[in-house]
Amino acid sequence: MLTLIIVGAVLVVLTILVHAGGTTLWANLLARKYLRHGDLVTARDRWALSVATASMLLVLHSIEVLLWAVVFLILPAVTHLQTLEQSLYFSLVTFTTLGYGDIVLNPGVRLLSGVEAMSGILLFGWSTAFLFLVIQRAWQMSGIAAPPRD
């Protein structure tokens, strides 16, 4: 059980590092592109920023799911996941907390699925806050205090 806790903790730290690195790089890129010039952000820029940021966050989450899936695949105690496809499926369903339950880990290692779900909740919350911040900042830089109301 101690080994599982260590494996889970290492994976949580790795996924947090991936997320921190990705969002920091993205924020720096956006700051260099948009803050330096002081120009107003157009409606097209706001659209592109929203789509690009959401896409970048999906890539980060995909990398994080892949990290978990690879570990599930290589852990000898995980006997139910025989292929990368099965491992990715299980990891994605667990990370997103969807939890179909059609694949479950054996009792000796099922603690890891809870740790992955906890990690996913944290990182999706982080992504939501980050995306909100980017969109909010884009609106502020457009010279419009808030999106127009109908």
Protein backbone atom coordinates (compact mmCIF):
# COMPACT_ATOMS: atom_id res chain seq x y z
CA MET A 1 0.00 0.00 0.00
CA LEU A 2 2.86 2.40 0.74
CA THR A 3 4.19 1.78 -2.77
CA LEU A 4 0.81 2.76 -4.24
CA ILE A 5 0.72 5.94 -2.20
CA ILE A 6 4.20 6.85 -3.43
CA VAL A 7 3.31 6.03 -7.05
CA GLY A 8 0.11 8.08 -6.76
CA ALA A 9 1.92 11.01 -5.16
CA VAL A 10 4.61 10.99 -7.84
CA LEU A 11 1.96 10.96 -10.58
CA VAL A 12 0.03 13.80 -8.96
CA VAL A 13 3.23 15.86 -8.71
CA LEU A 14 4.12 15.07 -12.36
CA THR A 15 0.69 16.06 -13.64
CA ILE A 16 0.78 19.26 -11.59
CA LEU A 17 4.21 20.04 -13.05
CA VAL A 18 2.91 19.42 -16.58
CA HIS A 19 -0.04 21.70 -15.93
CA ALA A 20 2.02 24.40 -14.24
CA GLY A 21 4.62 24.33 -17.00
CA GLY A 22 2.05 24.39 -19.79
CA THR A 23 -0.09 27.16 -18.36
CA THR A 24 2.96 29.24 -17.43
CA LEU A 25 4.44 28.92 -20.92
CA TRP A 26 1.09 29.77 -22.46
CA ALA A 27 0.58 32.79 -20.19
CA ASN A 28 4.09 34.04 -21.02
CA LEU A 29 3.44 33.61 -24.74
CA LEU A 30 0.18 35.53 -24.50
CA ALA A 31 1.79 38.27 -22.44
CA ARG A 32 4.58 38.71 -25.00
CA LYS A 33 2.15 38.77 -27.89
CA TYR A 34 -0.58 40.99 -26.46
CA LEU A 35 0.71 43.01 -23.52
CA ARG A 36 3.82 44.45 -25.12
CA HIS A 37 2.08 46.35 -27.86
CA GLY A 38 -0.71 47.80 -25.77
CA ASP A 39 -3.05 47.53 -28.75
CA LEU A 40 -6.70 46.81 -28.24
CA VAL A 41 -7.68 43.18 -28.68
CA THR A 42 -10.18 42.68 -31.49
CA ALA A 43 -13.21 40.39 -31.48
CA ARG A 44 -11.27 38.03 -33.74
CA ASP A 45 -8.36 38.01 -31.26
CA ARG A 46 -10.74 37.21 -28.39
CA TRP A 47 -12.18 34.30 -30.36
CA ALA A 48 -8.72 33.01 -31.29
CA LEU A 49 -7.44 33.37 -27.72
CA SER A 50 -10.40 31.44 -26.34
CA VAL A 51 -10.14 28.61 -28.86
CA ALA A 52 -6.35 28.38 -28.68
CA THR A 53 -6.32 28.42 -24.87
CA ALA A 54 -9.02 25.76 -24.61
CA SER A 55 -7.14 23.63 -27.16
CA MET A 56 -3.86 24.02 -25.28
CA LEU A 57 -5.57 22.97 -22.04
CA LEU A 58 -6.99 19.88 -23.76
CA VAL A 59 -3.48 18.96 -24.92
CA LEU A 60 -2.19 19.32 -21.35
CA HIS A 61 -4.98 17.12 -20.00
CA SER A 62 -4.27 14.54 -22.71
CA ILE A 63 -0.61 14.41 -21.68
CA GLU A 64 -1.63 14.00 -18.04
CA VAL A 65 -4.05 11.18 -18.87
CA LEU A 66 -1.32 9.52 -20.94
CA LEU A 67 1.09 9.66 -17.97
CA TRP A 68 -1.41 7.83 -15.77
CA ALA A 69 -2.23 5.35 -18.54
CA VAL A 70 1.42 4.43 -19.10
CA VAL A 71 1.95 3.86 -15.38
CA PHE A 72 -1.18 1.67 -15.22
CA LEU A 73 0.14 -0.30 -18.17
CA ILE A 74 3.61 -0.91 -16.71
CA LEU A 75 2.60 -1.62 -13.11
CA PRO A 76 2.75 -5.39 -12.68
CA ALA A 77 -0.03 -5.33 -10.08
CA VAL A 78 -2.50 -3.87 -12.59
CA THR A 79 -3.69 -6.98 -14.39
CA HIS A 80 -6.96 -5.73 -15.92
CA LEU A 81 -5.34 -3.28 -18.35
CA GLN A 82 -3.53 -5.28 -21.02
CA THR A 83 -3.25 -2.75 -23.88
CA LEU A 84 -2.49 0.95 -24.21
CA GLU A 85 -6.02 1.51 -25.52
CA GLN A 86 -7.55 -0.09 -22.41
CA SER A 87 -5.21 1.82 -20.16
CA LEU A 88 -5.94 5.15 -21.91
CA TYR A 89 -9.67 4.50 -21.77
CA PHE A 90 -9.58 3.67 -18.07
CA SER A 91 -7.34 6.65 -17.32
CA LEU A 92 -9.50 9.10 -19.28
CA VAL A 93 -12.72 7.87 -17.66
CA THR A 94 -11.09 8.08 -14.24
CA PHE A 95 -9.31 11.43 -14.74
CA THR A 96 -12.55 13.09 -15.87
CA THR A 97 -14.41 11.40 -12.98
CA LEU A 98 -16.89 9.98 -15.48
CA GLY A 99 -16.36 6.52 -14.02
CA TYR A 100 -18.33 4.12 -16.21
CA GLY A 101 -17.20 1.22 -14.06
CA ASP A 102 -16.93 -1.21 -16.97
CA ILE A 103 -13.22 -1.54 -16.16
CA VAL A 104 -12.13 -1.51 -12.54
CA LEU A 105 -8.74 -2.09 -11.01
CA ASN A 106 -8.10 -5.12 -8.84
CA PRO A 107 -8.38 -4.55 -5.07
CA GLY A 108 -4.62 -4.30 -4.56
CA VAL A 109 -4.26 -1.19 -6.75
CA ARG A 110 -7.70 0.42 -6.94
CA LEU A 111 -6.56 3.17 -4.58
CA LEU A 112 -4.72 4.68 -7.57
CA SER A 113 -7.95 5.31 -9.47
CA GLY A 114 -9.21 7.51 -6.65
CA VAL A 115 -5.96 9.44 -6.59
CA GLU A 116 -6.18 9.96 -10.36
CA ALA A 117 -9.76 11.22 -10.06
CA MET A 118 -8.70 13.64 -7.32
CA SER A 119 -5.89 14.88 -9.55
CA GLY A 120 -8.27 15.31 -12.48
CA ILE A 121 -10.72 17.36 -10.42
CA LEU A 122 -7.93 19.66 -9.28
CA LEU A 123 -6.48 20.13 -12.76
CA PHE A 124 -9.86 20.70 -14.44
CA GLY A 125 -10.61 23.36 -11.83
CA TRP A 126 -7.24 24.94 -12.57
CA SER A 127 -8.00 24.86 -16.31
CA THR A 128 -11.40 26.45 -15.81
CA ALA A 129 -9.89 29.27 -13.75
CA PHE A 130 -7.11 29.78 -16.29
CA LEU A 131 -9.48 29.87 -19.26
CA PHE A 132 -11.74 32.31 -17.43
CA LEU A 133 -8.75 34.53 -16.67
CA VAL A 134 -7.60 34.57 -20.30
CA ILE A 135 -11.08 35.39 -21.58
CA GLN A 136 -11.61 38.05 -18.93
CA ARG A 137 -8.26 39.67 -19.70
CA ALA A 138 -9.01 39.61 -23.44
CA TRP A 139 -12.28 41.45 -22.82
CA GLN A 140 -10.50 44.01 -20.65
CA MET A 141 -7.87 44.54 -23.34
CA SER A 142 -10.57 45.11 -25.94
CA GLY A 143 -11.68 48.26 -24.19
CA ILE A 144 -14.98 46.65 -23.24
CA ALA A 145 -15.44 46.19 -19.48
CA ALA A 146 -17.72 43.18 -19.84
CA PRO A 147 -19.35 41.21 -22.63
CA PRO A 148 -22.44 42.98 -23.98
CA ARG A 149 -25.76 41.81 -22.57
CA ASP A 150 -28.72 41.07 -24.77
